[in-house]
Structure formats: C-alpha cells, structure tokens
Amino acid sequence: MDLSQRIIRSSIDWSGAGIKLVDYLAGRFTYRSESEWEKRIASGEITLNSKIVPPDTVLQLHDIIEYRPGDIVEPPADLDYKVVFEDEILLVIDKPGNLCMHPAGPFFKHTLWHLLASKYDQIHFVNRLDRETSGLLLATKHAKYAKTLLKNITAKHYMAIIHGDFPESLQADGFLLSANSIIRKKRKFVFDLPDSPPFESASTDFCKISSANGLSLVKAVLHTGRMHQIRATLNSLGYPVAGDKLYGLDEKFYLKQRSDELSDADREKLLVCRQALHSCYLELIHPEKGEKISFSSPLPAQLQNLIK
C-alpha cells in the first residue's frame, strides 16, 4: 500500500448527476476556486472514469472522479492518539478531538487512518467518530472481522457538554430526517413518525451528570448508530452541544469555519475550539474468545474545564 501518493476518489450519486465536473469539484472541495479546479483538470491531475475530460463535462450517475493532488498543505491536527488495547485482531483507540479518521478534503497524512496504516499496514475501522469528537473507537487488523465486530458492540456511551439546564433524564425515541438547512448534511430529530421519507429511526437515552455556568454535562447511551445522532437530537431538543459549529448555537459558524472566517467573537460564543462530545465507554464481545470486554476514557481536561 502506497501511503505517499494520495488518490481522492468520488463516485457520483444522484446529488451530483447532471452537474458539470468543475462545478461539482468547486462545490464539494471548497479549498480551491472554480478557476483553480479548471487548471487542475487541464493539467491531468483529475480524471473522469480514468480519462482526461473538459471541465464542463456533465457528470452521470456512478461516474468515478479521481484526483491526484501534489501540493495540498494539510492543516494542523492533533496526532496524539492512544492505543488502549491491542491483540492479533483488535485495536481500541482513544482519538483526540481534532483528528480526521479518514482522508477527506485537505487531510491525508493528518488522519487516524494514515497514522495507523503506517504502523499496521492494513487497518479497518469498525465504527467512526467525527473529526472534532474525541474518545474510544474500534478497529480491526483483518477485514473479515469488521462486520462481525460491528454487531458485537454491545454498548456505546458518550459524554456531551451542552447549553442549558438539562432534565435529570430523557429518553429520545424518534426519527432523524433532513433539517432543510442550507447545509445539506444537517439533520433534525422528531419524536413522531414523519409524513414522508427519507428518515431513520433513532434512540438515545440521556441523563444529566452535572450542571454549572449555564451548561450541563450529560451522558448519552446509544441504542441506534445514526450519523450525527447525538448532536442532531440534542440540538432539536433545545440543548445544542458547546463548540459545535453545525448543531450548536448558530449553523453560520459552520459556514464561517469552512471559509476560515470565524472571528474572535464567534470563538468566544462557541466556548471551546471543537464540539464538546466524547466517546467515554465501549463494550463488545471478542469475536474469537467470546468474552465481553469493556473500555473507559475520561472526559478530556479541555472539556472538564468548561463545566467547573
């Protein structure tokens, strides 16, 4: 496996079909302007279905775009991950709160995947955490165990610091659907069955651990594993996660961050430089030994200081 050469592949789904190649790239990878993408297409850095094509080529469903960048300067990241358990099959990792798991956007070597693949060669993540979420996650050294291990996870607990005085406990059984936001990936939680698809069921149990300074520390126990489940649910309930640009006090923070326009006043409102969400407990059944094993990770000091 060549870890020195980055190849970014995109498969076109319904949201990209019918869009010009240059418009798709400028819209998805906003760290370059449309004119810059045109130059890179012309230089041969970008191919469509293994061929060099004009920038105005209209994309079709299932087209494959490949981009071989040579000069992306990666933003800084916290590379100080910890392996808390390892055997011939498993890796349990404690991820810091500013580290992408997979290559995306400008990140390649500054990702957990690259760090682990450089050490272990093959690595397969069983579950994932957002870049700004810290804590425990599971990986395997062998692809054949990945699906089994996903089913073998028996408990996942998180801690979150949120705005507001949260109830002592709350059971959020409902559904996740599009939030109809300018940010397409944003979701919202509702208790009642939506009138129209698409939607996913979502179930989370919350309990308050403490509260201070207009904030609450809550534990979240997941019964389903949906994208943005905790953050979207808490935001919809009126208790946004501190530091969260997308599901926090104002989604404009997310747009400002993408364009590198966050002001000092914005950062002060966010309270912390990353979303205050931490994967604190992981329990699973070992795929070979059949025994239940569990792991805990304390709330990072950076987040502990918010709730003192």
C-alpha atoms as a PDB file:
ATOM      1  CA  MET A   1       0.000   0.000   0.000  1.00  0.00           C
ATOM      2  CA  ASP A   2       1.474   3.341  -1.100  1.00  0.00           C
ATOM      3  CA  LEU A   3       0.887   5.871   1.669  1.00  0.00           C
ATOM      4  CA  SER A   4       2.924   8.583  -0.063  1.00  0.00           C
ATOM      5  CA  GLN A   5       0.609   9.056  -3.075  1.00  0.00           C
ATOM      6  CA  ARG A   6      -2.811  10.396  -2.330  1.00  0.00           C
ATOM      7  CA  ILE A   7      -5.681   9.489  -4.636  1.00  0.00           C
ATOM      8  CA  ILE A   8      -9.074  11.024  -3.880  1.00  0.00           C
ATOM      9  CA  ARG A   9     -11.924   9.060  -5.466  1.00  0.00           C
ATOM     10  CA  SER A  10     -15.531  10.171  -5.680  1.00  0.00           C
ATOM     11  CA  SER A  11     -18.412   8.111  -7.000  1.00  0.00           C
ATOM     12  CA  ILE A  12     -21.221  10.251  -8.351  1.00  0.00           C
ATOM     13  CA  ASP A  13     -24.615   9.696  -6.741  1.00  0.00           C
ATOM     14  CA  TRP A  14     -27.957  11.303  -7.553  1.00  0.00           C
ATOM     15  CA  SER A  15     -26.908  14.625  -5.955  1.00  0.00           C
ATOM     16  CA  GLY A  16     -24.006  15.030  -8.406  1.00  0.00           C
ATOM     17  CA  ALA A  17     -25.551  13.632 -11.586  1.00  0.00           C
ATOM     18  CA  GLY A  18     -26.227  16.339 -14.186  1.00  0.00           C
ATOM     19  CA  ILE A  19     -23.669  18.770 -12.731  1.00  0.00           C
ATOM     20  CA  LYS A  20     -20.595  19.942 -14.619  1.00  0.00           C
ATOM     21  CA  LEU A  21     -17.320  18.434 -13.393  1.00  0.00           C
ATOM     22  CA  VAL A  22     -15.781  21.783 -12.440  1.00  0.00           C
ATOM     23  CA  ASP A  23     -18.940  22.882 -10.594  1.00  0.00           C
ATOM     24  CA  TYR A  24     -19.015  19.605  -8.652  1.00  0.00           C
ATOM     25  CA  LEU A  25     -15.383  19.982  -7.571  1.00  0.00           C
ATOM     26  CA  ALA A  26     -15.743  23.654  -6.607  1.00  0.00           C
ATOM     27  CA  GLY A  27     -18.877  22.901  -4.603  1.00  0.00           C
ATOM     28  CA  ARG A  28     -17.551  19.847  -2.761  1.00  0.00           C
ATOM     29  CA  PHE A  29     -13.898  20.825  -2.264  1.00  0.00           C
ATOM     30  CA  THR A  30     -14.172  24.486  -1.373  1.00  0.00           C
ATOM     31  CA  TYR A  31     -10.493  24.963  -0.551  1.00  0.00           C
ATOM     32  CA  ARG A  32      -9.941  25.757  -4.270  1.00  0.00           C
ATOM     33  CA  SER A  33     -11.783  28.192  -6.549  1.00  0.00           C
ATOM     34  CA  GLU A  34     -13.524  27.197  -9.776  1.00  0.00           C
ATOM     35  CA  SER A  35     -10.685  28.617 -11.890  1.00  0.00           C
ATOM     36  CA  GLU A  36      -8.120  26.647  -9.860  1.00  0.00           C
ATOM     37  CA  TRP A  37     -10.077  23.433 -10.425  1.00  0.00           C
ATOM     38  CA  GLU A  38     -10.204  24.171 -14.158  1.00  0.00           C
ATOM     39  CA  LYS A  39      -6.401  24.396 -14.230  1.00  0.00           C
ATOM     40  CA  ARG A  40      -6.029  21.094 -12.375  1.00  0.00           C
ATOM     41  CA  ILE A  41      -8.448  19.344 -14.711  1.00  0.00           C
ATOM     42  CA  ALA A  42      -6.468  20.658 -17.679  1.00  0.00           C
ATOM     43  CA  SER A  43      -3.169  19.518 -16.103  1.00  0.00           C
ATOM     44  CA  GLY A  44      -4.394  15.923 -15.859  1.00  0.00           C
ATOM     45  CA  GLU A  45      -4.466  15.788 -12.059  1.00  0.00           C
ATOM     46  CA  ILE A  46      -8.177  14.968 -12.295  1.00  0.00           C
ATOM     47  CA  THR A  47      -9.679  12.214 -14.405  1.00  0.00           C
ATOM     48  CA  LEU A  48     -13.237  11.075 -15.027  1.00  0.00           C
ATOM     49  CA  ASN A  49     -13.601   7.317 -15.472  1.00  0.00           C
ATOM     50  CA  SER A  50      -9.791   7.163 -15.952  1.00  0.00           C
ATOM     51  CA  LYS A  51      -9.845   9.733 -18.783  1.00  0.00           C
ATOM     52  CA  ILE A  52      -8.879  13.401 -19.018  1.00  0.00           C
ATOM     53  CA  VAL A  53     -12.000  15.339 -19.957  1.00  0.00           C
ATOM     54  CA  PRO A  54     -13.000  19.033 -20.355  1.00  0.00           C
ATOM     55  CA  PRO A  55     -14.059  20.936 -17.206  1.00  0.00           C
ATOM     56  CA  ASP A  56     -17.631  21.370 -18.468  1.00  0.00           C
ATOM     57  CA  THR A  57     -18.240  17.620 -18.890  1.00  0.00           C
ATOM     58  CA  VAL A  58     -21.618  16.757 -17.349  1.00  0.00           C
ATOM     59  CA  LEU A  59     -21.428  14.047 -14.692  1.00  0.00           C
ATOM     60  CA  GLN A  60     -23.502  10.887 -14.906  1.00  0.00           C
ATOM     61  CA  LEU A  61     -24.690   8.594 -12.129  1.00  0.00           C
ATOM     62  CA  HIS A  62     -21.886   6.253 -10.909  1.00  0.00           C
ATOM     63  CA  ASP A  63     -19.120   8.175 -12.709  1.00  0.00           C
ATOM     64  CA  ILE A  64     -15.758   7.901 -10.901  1.00  0.00           C
ATOM     65  CA  ILE A  65     -13.651  11.026 -10.351  1.00  0.00           C
ATOM     66  CA  GLU A  66     -10.008  10.549  -9.368  1.00  0.00           C
ATOM     67  CA  TYR A  67      -7.844  13.416  -8.106  1.00  0.00           C
ATOM     68  CA  ARG A  68      -4.102  13.059  -7.533  1.00  0.00           C
ATOM     69  CA  PRO A  69      -3.057  16.238  -5.711  1.00  0.00           C
ATOM     70  CA  GLY A  70       0.578  17.009  -5.232  1.00  0.00           C
ATOM     71  CA  ASP A  71       0.685  20.255  -3.309  1.00  0.00           C
ATOM     72  CA  ILE A  72      -2.098  20.369  -0.707  1.00  0.00           C
ATOM     73  CA  VAL A  73      -0.820  21.854   2.541  1.00  0.00           C
ATOM     74  CA  GLU A  74      -2.557  19.952   5.313  1.00  0.00           C
ATOM     75  CA  PRO A  75      -3.997  21.928   8.220  1.00  0.00           C
ATOM     76  CA  PRO A  76      -2.580  21.104  11.654  1.00  0.00           C
ATOM     77  CA  ALA A  77      -4.196  18.277  13.615  1.00  0.00           C
ATOM     78  CA  ASP A  78      -3.791  16.593  16.984  1.00  0.00           C
ATOM     79  CA  LEU A  79      -1.873  13.427  16.111  1.00  0.00           C
ATOM     80  CA  ASP A  80      -1.575  12.209  19.711  1.00  0.00           C
ATOM     81  CA  TYR A  81      -3.879   9.186  19.566  1.00  0.00           C
ATOM     82  CA  LYS A  82      -3.581   6.311  22.061  1.00  0.00           C
ATOM     83  CA  VAL A  83      -3.999   2.578  21.545  1.00  0.00           C
ATOM     84  CA  VAL A  84      -5.690   1.409  24.749  1.00  0.00           C
ATOM     85  CA  PHE A  85      -5.998  -2.242  23.723  1.00  0.00           C
ATOM     86  CA  GLU A  86      -4.385  -4.406  21.061  1.00  0.00           C
ATOM     87  CA  ASP A  87      -4.265  -8.088  20.214  1.00  0.00           C
ATOM     88  CA  GLU A  88      -3.910 -10.075  16.987  1.00  0.00           C
ATOM     89  CA  ILE A  89      -7.406  -8.972  15.866  1.00  0.00           C
ATOM     90  CA  LEU A  90      -8.479  -5.779  17.637  1.00  0.00           C
ATOM     91  CA  LEU A  91      -7.385  -2.232  18.169  1.00  0.00           C
ATOM     92  CA  VAL A  92      -9.251   0.023  20.605  1.00  0.00           C
ATOM     93  CA  ILE A  93      -8.151   3.604  20.056  1.00  0.00           C
ATOM     94  CA  ASP A  94      -8.642   6.775  22.081  1.00  0.00           C
ATOM     95  CA  LYS A  95      -8.839   9.531  19.462  1.00  0.00           C
ATOM     96  CA  PRO A  96      -8.086  13.199  20.197  1.00  0.00           C
ATOM     97  CA  GLY A  97     -10.644  15.869  19.406  1.00  0.00           C
ATOM     98  CA  ASN A  98      -9.016  17.394  16.325  1.00  0.00           C
ATOM     99  CA  LEU A  99      -8.186  14.453  14.071  1.00  0.00           C
ATOM    100  CA  CYS A 100     -10.000  13.146  10.973  1.00  0.00           C
ATOM    101  CA  MET A 101     -10.420   9.394  10.835  1.00  0.00           C
ATOM    102  CA  HIS A 102     -10.290   9.082   7.039  1.00  0.00           C
ATOM    103  CA  PRO A 103      -8.644  11.192   4.306  1.00  0.00           C
ATOM    104  CA  ALA A 104     -11.027  13.982   3.354  1.00  0.00           C
ATOM    105  CA  GLY A 105     -10.685  17.483   1.936  1.00  0.00           C
ATOM    106  CA  PRO A 106      -7.141  18.727   2.646  1.00  0.00           C
ATOM    107  CA  PHE A 107      -6.418  15.944   5.175  1.00  0.00           C
ATOM    108  CA  PHE A 108      -4.388  12.864   4.206  1.00  0.00           C
ATOM    109  CA  LYS A 109      -1.360  12.203   6.389  1.00  0.00           C
ATOM    110  CA  HIS A 110      -3.005  14.093   9.245  1.00  0.00           C
ATOM    111  CA  THR A 111      -5.630  11.369   9.656  1.00  0.00           C
ATOM    112  CA  LEU A 112      -6.014   8.459  12.031  1.00  0.00           C
ATOM    113  CA  TRP A 113      -6.190   6.069   9.068  1.00  0.00           C
ATOM    114  CA  HIS A 114      -2.785   7.175   7.754  1.00  0.00           C
ATOM    115  CA  LEU A 115      -1.180   7.070  11.198  1.00  0.00           C
ATOM    116  CA  LEU A 116      -2.426   3.535  11.857  1.00  0.00           C
ATOM    117  CA  ALA A 117      -1.820   2.234   8.326  1.00  0.00           C
ATOM    118  CA  SER A 118       1.782   3.471   8.540  1.00  0.00           C
ATOM    119  CA  LYS A 119       2.234   1.282  11.606  1.00  0.00           C
ATOM    120  CA  TYR A 120      -0.023  -1.723  10.970  1.00  0.00           C
ATOM    121  CA  ASP A 121      -0.285  -1.729   7.138  1.00  0.00           C
ATOM    122  CA  GLN A 122      -3.919  -2.868   6.849  1.00  0.00           C
ATOM    123  CA  ILE A 123      -6.471  -1.276   9.174  1.00  0.00           C
ATOM    124  CA  HIS A 124     -10.276  -1.417   9.082  1.00  0.00           C
ATOM    125  CA  PHE A 125     -12.420   0.853  11.237  1.00  0.00           C
ATOM    126  CA  VAL A 126     -15.478  -0.782  12.766  1.00  0.00           C
ATOM    127  CA  ASN A 127     -17.154   2.424  13.903  1.00  0.00           C
ATOM    128  CA  ARG A 128     -16.273   6.070  13.407  1.00  0.00           C
ATOM    129  CA  LEU A 129     -16.163   9.409  15.179  1.00  0.00           C
ATOM    130  CA  ASP A 130     -16.448  12.897  13.686  1.00  0.00           C
ATOM    131  CA  ARG A 131     -13.207  14.850  13.397  1.00  0.00           C
ATOM    132  CA  GLU A 132     -13.984  17.007  16.429  1.00  0.00           C
ATOM    133  CA  THR A 133     -15.331  14.163  18.596  1.00  0.00           C
ATOM    134  CA  SER A 134     -12.813  12.550  20.925  1.00  0.00           C
ATOM    135  CA  GLY A 135     -12.721   9.179  22.630  1.00  0.00           C
ATOM    136  CA  LEU A 136     -12.961   5.451  22.062  1.00  0.00           C
ATOM    137  CA  LEU A 137     -13.438   3.681  18.751  1.00  0.00           C
ATOM    138  CA  LEU A 138     -12.857   0.181  17.443  1.00  0.00           C
ATOM    139  CA  ALA A 139     -10.726  -1.092  14.549  1.00  0.00           C
ATOM    140  CA  THR A 140      -9.576  -4.465  13.319  1.00  0.00           C
ATOM    141  CA  LYS A 141      -6.441  -5.651  11.541  1.00  0.00           C
ATOM    142  CA  HIS A 142      -8.435  -8.072   9.376  1.00  0.00           C
ATOM    143  CA  ALA A 143     -11.287  -7.109   7.050  1.00  0.00           C
ATOM    144  CA  LYS A 144     -13.160 -10.371   7.673  1.00  0.00           C
ATOM    145  CA  TYR A 145     -13.894  -9.333  11.261  1.00  0.00           C
ATOM    146  CA  ALA A 146     -15.269  -5.855  10.507  1.00  0.00           C
ATOM    147  CA  LYS A 147     -18.972  -6.762  10.093  1.00  0.00           C
ATOM    148  CA  THR A 148     -18.897  -9.236  12.988  1.00  0.00           C
ATOM    149  CA  LEU A 149     -17.340  -6.683  15.301  1.00  0.00           C
ATOM    150  CA  LEU A 150     -19.935  -4.059  14.418  1.00  0.00           C
ATOM    151  CA  LYS A 151     -22.633  -6.479  15.576  1.00  0.00           C
ATOM    152  CA  ASN A 152     -20.548  -7.414  18.625  1.00  0.00           C
ATOM    153  CA  ILE A 153     -20.550  -3.880  20.058  1.00  0.00           C
ATOM    154  CA  THR A 154     -22.942  -4.158  22.997  1.00  0.00           C
ATOM    155  CA  ALA A 155     -22.708  -0.634  24.439  1.00  0.00           C
ATOM    156  CA  LYS A 156     -21.553   2.840  23.386  1.00  0.00           C
ATOM    157  CA  HIS A 157     -21.717   5.742  25.826  1.00  0.00           C
ATOM    158  CA  TYR A 158     -20.824   9.375  25.204  1.00  0.00           C
ATOM    159  CA  MET A 159     -20.487  12.478  27.333  1.00  0.00           C
ATOM    160  CA  ALA A 160     -21.512  15.873  25.995  1.00  0.00           C
ATOM    161  CA  ILE A 161     -21.416  19.393  27.364  1.00  0.00           C
ATOM    162  CA  ILE A 162     -24.499  21.275  26.243  1.00  0.00           C
ATOM    163  CA  HIS A 163     -26.087  24.680  26.593  1.00  0.00           C
ATOM    164  CA  GLY A 164     -28.941  24.848  29.103  1.00  0.00           C
ATOM    165  CA  ASP A 165     -30.104  23.025  32.234  1.00  0.00           C
ATOM    166  CA  PHE A 166     -30.914  19.528  31.011  1.00  0.00           C
ATOM    167  CA  PRO A 167     -33.585  17.345  32.710  1.00  0.00           C
ATOM    168  CA  GLU A 168     -32.374  14.634  35.089  1.00  0.00           C
ATOM    169  CA  SER A 169     -33.133  12.047  32.391  1.00  0.00           C
ATOM    170  CA  LEU A 170     -34.739  11.934  28.960  1.00  0.00           C
ATOM    171  CA  GLN A 171     -35.475   9.074  26.570  1.00  0.00           C
ATOM    172  CA  ALA A 172     -35.345  10.251  22.946  1.00  0.00           C
ATOM    173  CA  ASP A 173     -37.011   7.628  20.758  1.00  0.00           C
ATOM    174  CA  GLY A 174     -37.922   9.014  17.358  1.00  0.00           C
ATOM    175  CA  PHE A 175     -36.596   9.720  13.888  1.00  0.00           C
ATOM    176  CA  LEU A 176     -33.840  11.631  12.093  1.00  0.00           C
ATOM    177  CA  LEU A 177     -34.561  13.426   8.835  1.00  0.00           C
ATOM    178  CA  SER A 178     -33.281  16.344   6.774  1.00  0.00           C
ATOM    179  CA  ALA A 179     -33.242  19.659   8.612  1.00  0.00           C
ATOM    180  CA  ASN A 180     -33.986  21.555   5.371  1.00  0.00           C
ATOM    181  CA  SER A 181     -30.894  23.652   6.006  1.00  0.00           C
ATOM    182  CA  ILE A 182     -28.575  25.365   3.550  1.00  0.00           C
ATOM    183  CA  ILE A 183     -26.093  22.763   4.821  1.00  0.00           C
ATOM    184  CA  ARG A 184     -27.346  19.626   3.085  1.00  0.00           C
ATOM    185  CA  LYS A 185     -25.971  17.076   5.554  1.00  0.00           C
ATOM    186  CA  LYS A 186     -27.634  18.681   8.587  1.00  0.00           C
ATOM    187  CA  ARG A 187     -30.339  16.584  10.250  1.00  0.00           C
ATOM    188  CA  LYS A 188     -33.076  17.078  12.829  1.00  0.00           C
ATOM    189  CA  PHE A 189     -34.738  14.792  15.365  1.00  0.00           C
ATOM    190  CA  VAL A 190     -38.502  14.377  15.756  1.00  0.00           C
ATOM    191  CA  PHE A 191     -40.480  12.162  18.119  1.00  0.00           C
ATOM    192  CA  ASP A 192     -43.378  11.488  15.748  1.00  0.00           C
ATOM    193  CA  LEU A 193     -43.214   9.458  12.548  1.00  0.00           C
ATOM    194  CA  PRO A 194     -42.572  11.804   9.592  1.00  0.00           C
ATOM    195  CA  ASP A 195     -45.136  12.041   6.803  1.00  0.00           C
ATOM    196  CA  SER A 196     -42.639  11.311   4.047  1.00  0.00           C
ATOM    197  CA  PRO A 197     -39.260   9.587   3.614  1.00  0.00           C
ATOM    198  CA  PRO A 198     -36.352   9.501   3.846  1.00  0.00           C
ATOM    199  CA  PHE A 199     -35.930   9.119   7.595  1.00  0.00           C
ATOM    200  CA  GLU A 200     -34.161   6.829  10.065  1.00  0.00           C
ATOM    201  CA  SER A 201     -35.250   5.665  13.493  1.00  0.00           C
ATOM    202  CA  ALA A 202     -33.057   6.939  16.331  1.00  0.00           C
ATOM    203  CA  SER A 203     -32.984   6.023  20.007  1.00  0.00           C
ATOM    204  CA  THR A 204     -30.827   7.662  22.680  1.00  0.00           C
ATOM    205  CA  ASP A 205     -31.088   7.713  26.477  1.00  0.00           C
ATOM    206  CA  PHE A 206     -29.768  10.841  28.165  1.00  0.00           C
ATOM    207  CA  CYS A 207     -29.061  11.554  31.826  1.00  0.00           C
ATOM    208  CA  LYS A 208     -27.634  14.680  33.446  1.00  0.00           C
ATOM    209  CA  ILE A 209     -24.389  14.284  35.368  1.00  0.00           C
ATOM    210  CA  SER A 210     -23.942  17.889  36.493  1.00  0.00           C
ATOM    211  CA  SER A 211     -24.664  21.489  35.541  1.00  0.00           C
ATOM    212  CA  ALA A 212     -22.879  24.820  36.028  1.00  0.00           C
ATOM    213  CA  ASN A 213     -22.452  28.175  34.320  1.00  0.00           C
ATOM    214  CA  GLY A 214     -25.474  27.680  32.067  1.00  0.00           C
ATOM    215  CA  LEU A 215     -24.122  24.353  30.808  1.00  0.00           C
ATOM    216  CA  SER A 216     -24.919  20.707  31.536  1.00  0.00           C
ATOM    217  CA  LEU A 217     -22.763  17.607  31.349  1.00  0.00           C
ATOM    218  CA  VAL A 218     -24.878  14.722  30.078  1.00  0.00           C
ATOM    219  CA  LYS A 219     -24.276  11.059  29.351  1.00  0.00           C
ATOM    220  CA  ALA A 220     -25.767   9.652  26.145  1.00  0.00           C
ATOM    221  CA  VAL A 221     -26.383   5.926  25.696  1.00  0.00           C
ATOM    222  CA  LEU A 222     -26.908   4.946  22.065  1.00  0.00           C
ATOM    223  CA  HIS A 223     -29.389   2.263  21.070  1.00  0.00           C
ATOM    224  CA  THR A 224     -29.015   3.039  17.349  1.00  0.00           C
ATOM    225  CA  GLY A 225     -25.956   4.259  15.492  1.00  0.00           C
ATOM    226  CA  ARG A 226     -27.028   7.027  13.114  1.00  0.00           C
ATOM    227  CA  MET A 227     -24.977   9.807  11.571  1.00  0.00           C
ATOM    228  CA  HIS A 228     -24.912  12.863  13.871  1.00  0.00           C
ATOM    229  CA  GLN A 229     -27.423  11.141  16.144  1.00  0.00           C
ATOM    230  CA  ILE A 230     -26.416  12.706  19.466  1.00  0.00           C
ATOM    231  CA  ARG A 231     -25.672  16.174  18.137  1.00  0.00           C
ATOM    232  CA  ALA A 232     -28.820  16.407  15.984  1.00  0.00           C
ATOM    233  CA  THR A 233     -31.036  15.057  18.759  1.00  0.00           C
ATOM    234  CA  LEU A 234     -29.713  17.424  21.417  1.00  0.00           C
ATOM    235  CA  ASN A 235     -29.969  20.420  19.096  1.00  0.00           C
ATOM    236  CA  SER A 236     -33.566  19.560  18.194  1.00  0.00           C
ATOM    237  CA  LEU A 237     -34.420  19.188  21.894  1.00  0.00           C
ATOM    238  CA  GLY A 238     -33.111  22.723  22.515  1.00  0.00           C
ATOM    239  CA  TYR A 239     -29.777  21.787  24.109  1.00  0.00           C
ATOM    240  CA  PRO A 240     -27.045  22.327  21.496  1.00  0.00           C
ATOM    241  CA  VAL A 241     -23.568  20.923  22.109  1.00  0.00           C
ATOM    242  CA  ALA A 242     -20.983  23.522  23.115  1.00  0.00           C
ATOM    243  CA  GLY A 243     -18.400  24.229  20.432  1.00  0.00           C
ATOM    244  CA  ASP A 244     -20.497  22.571  17.723  1.00  0.00           C
ATOM    245  CA  LYS A 245     -20.444  24.654  14.545  1.00  0.00           C
ATOM    246  CA  LEU A 246     -23.165  22.692  12.733  1.00  0.00           C
ATOM    247  CA  TYR A 247     -25.561  21.709  15.542  1.00  0.00           C
ATOM    248  CA  GLY A 248     -24.602  24.414  18.026  1.00  0.00           C
ATOM    249  CA  LEU A 249     -25.972  27.861  18.731  1.00  0.00           C
ATOM    250  CA  ASP A 250     -25.756  29.014  15.103  1.00  0.00           C
ATOM    251  CA  GLU A 251     -25.114  26.936  11.952  1.00  0.00           C
ATOM    252  CA  LYS A 252     -23.464  30.009  10.391  1.00  0.00           C
ATOM    253  CA  PHE A 253     -20.413  29.095  12.452  1.00  0.00           C
ATOM    254  CA  TYR A 254     -20.051  26.016  10.226  1.00  0.00           C
ATOM    255  CA  LEU A 255     -20.093  28.112   7.056  1.00  0.00           C
ATOM    256  CA  LYS A 256     -17.643  30.598   8.558  1.00  0.00           C
ATOM    257  CA  GLN A 257     -15.279  27.827   9.582  1.00  0.00           C
ATOM    258  CA  ARG A 258     -15.278  26.382   6.061  1.00  0.00           C
ATOM    259  CA  SER A 259     -14.285  29.771   4.644  1.00  0.00           C
ATOM    260  CA  ASP A 260     -11.856  30.464   7.509  1.00  0.00           C
ATOM    261  CA  GLU A 261     -13.878  33.485   8.655  1.00  0.00           C
ATOM    262  CA  LEU A 262     -14.545  32.672  12.318  1.00  0.00           C
ATOM    263  CA  SER A 263     -13.951  35.805  14.389  1.00  0.00           C
ATOM    264  CA  ASP A 264     -12.694  36.066  17.956  1.00  0.00           C
ATOM    265  CA  ALA A 265     -16.246  36.939  18.994  1.00  0.00           C
ATOM    266  CA  ASP A 266     -17.512  33.776  17.284  1.00  0.00           C
ATOM    267  CA  ARG A 267     -14.934  31.638  19.100  1.00  0.00           C
ATOM    268  CA  GLU A 268     -15.946  33.199  22.392  1.00  0.00           C
ATOM    269  CA  LYS A 269     -19.568  32.186  21.804  1.00  0.00           C
ATOM    270  CA  LEU A 270     -18.513  28.657  20.870  1.00  0.00           C
ATOM    271  CA  LEU A 271     -16.726  28.360  24.266  1.00  0.00           C
ATOM    272  CA  VAL A 272     -14.332  25.677  23.015  1.00  0.00           C
ATOM    273  CA  CYS A 273     -12.481  25.141  19.736  1.00  0.00           C
ATOM    274  CA  ARG A 274     -14.153  21.797  18.996  1.00  0.00           C
ATOM    275  CA  GLN A 275     -17.502  20.156  19.703  1.00  0.00           C
ATOM    276  CA  ALA A 276     -17.771  19.048  23.323  1.00  0.00           C
ATOM    277  CA  LEU A 277     -18.598  15.403  22.602  1.00  0.00           C
ATOM    278  CA  HIS A 278     -16.565  12.456  23.900  1.00  0.00           C
ATOM    279  CA  SER A 279     -16.901   8.687  23.421  1.00  0.00           C
ATOM    280  CA  CYS A 280     -16.360   7.571  27.014  1.00  0.00           C
ATOM    281  CA  TYR A 281     -17.321   3.879  27.149  1.00  0.00           C
ATOM    282  CA  LEU A 282     -17.157   0.984  24.704  1.00  0.00           C
ATOM    283  CA  GLU A 283     -18.258  -2.592  25.364  1.00  0.00           C
ATOM    284  CA  LEU A 284     -18.020  -5.524  22.962  1.00  0.00           C
ATOM    285  CA  ILE A 285     -17.811  -9.282  22.643  1.00  0.00           C
ATOM    286  CA  HIS A 286     -14.449 -10.509  21.406  1.00  0.00           C
ATOM    287  CA  PRO A 287     -15.005 -12.255  18.031  1.00  0.00           C
ATOM    288  CA  GLU A 288     -12.685 -15.185  18.803  1.00  0.00           C
ATOM    289  CA  LYS A 289     -12.652 -15.533  22.581  1.00  0.00           C
ATOM    290  CA  GLY A 290     -16.372 -14.855  23.009  1.00  0.00           C
ATOM    291  CA  GLU A 291     -15.805 -12.875  26.193  1.00  0.00           C
ATOM    292  CA  LYS A 292     -17.203  -9.429  26.932  1.00  0.00           C
ATOM    293  CA  ILE A 293     -14.585  -6.687  27.250  1.00  0.00           C
ATOM    294  CA  SER A 294     -15.086  -3.011  28.039  1.00  0.00           C
ATOM    295  CA  PHE A 295     -13.065   0.191  27.968  1.00  0.00           C
ATOM    296  CA  SER A 296     -13.471   3.650  29.511  1.00  0.00           C
ATOM    297  CA  SER A 297     -11.991   7.025  28.659  1.00  0.00           C
ATOM    298  CA  PRO A 298     -12.239  10.051  30.979  1.00  0.00           C
ATOM    299  CA  LEU A 299     -13.538  13.390  29.759  1.00  0.00           C
ATOM    300  CA  PRO A 300     -10.547  15.376  28.399  1.00  0.00           C
ATOM    301  CA  ALA A 301      -9.284  18.206  30.583  1.00  0.00           C
ATOM    302  CA  GLN A 302     -10.172  20.731  27.868  1.00  0.00           C
ATOM    303  CA  LEU A 303     -13.839  19.792  28.277  1.00  0.00           C
ATOM    304  CA  GLN A 304     -13.736  19.292  32.041  1.00  0.00           C
ATOM    305  CA  ASN A 305     -12.734  22.949  32.399  1.00  0.00           C
ATOM    306  CA  LEU A 306     -15.993  24.070  30.748  1.00  0.00           C
ATOM    307  CA  ILE A 307     -18.239  22.583  33.408  1.00  0.00           C
ATOM    308  CA  LYS A 308     -16.302  23.505  36.567  1.00  0.00           C
END
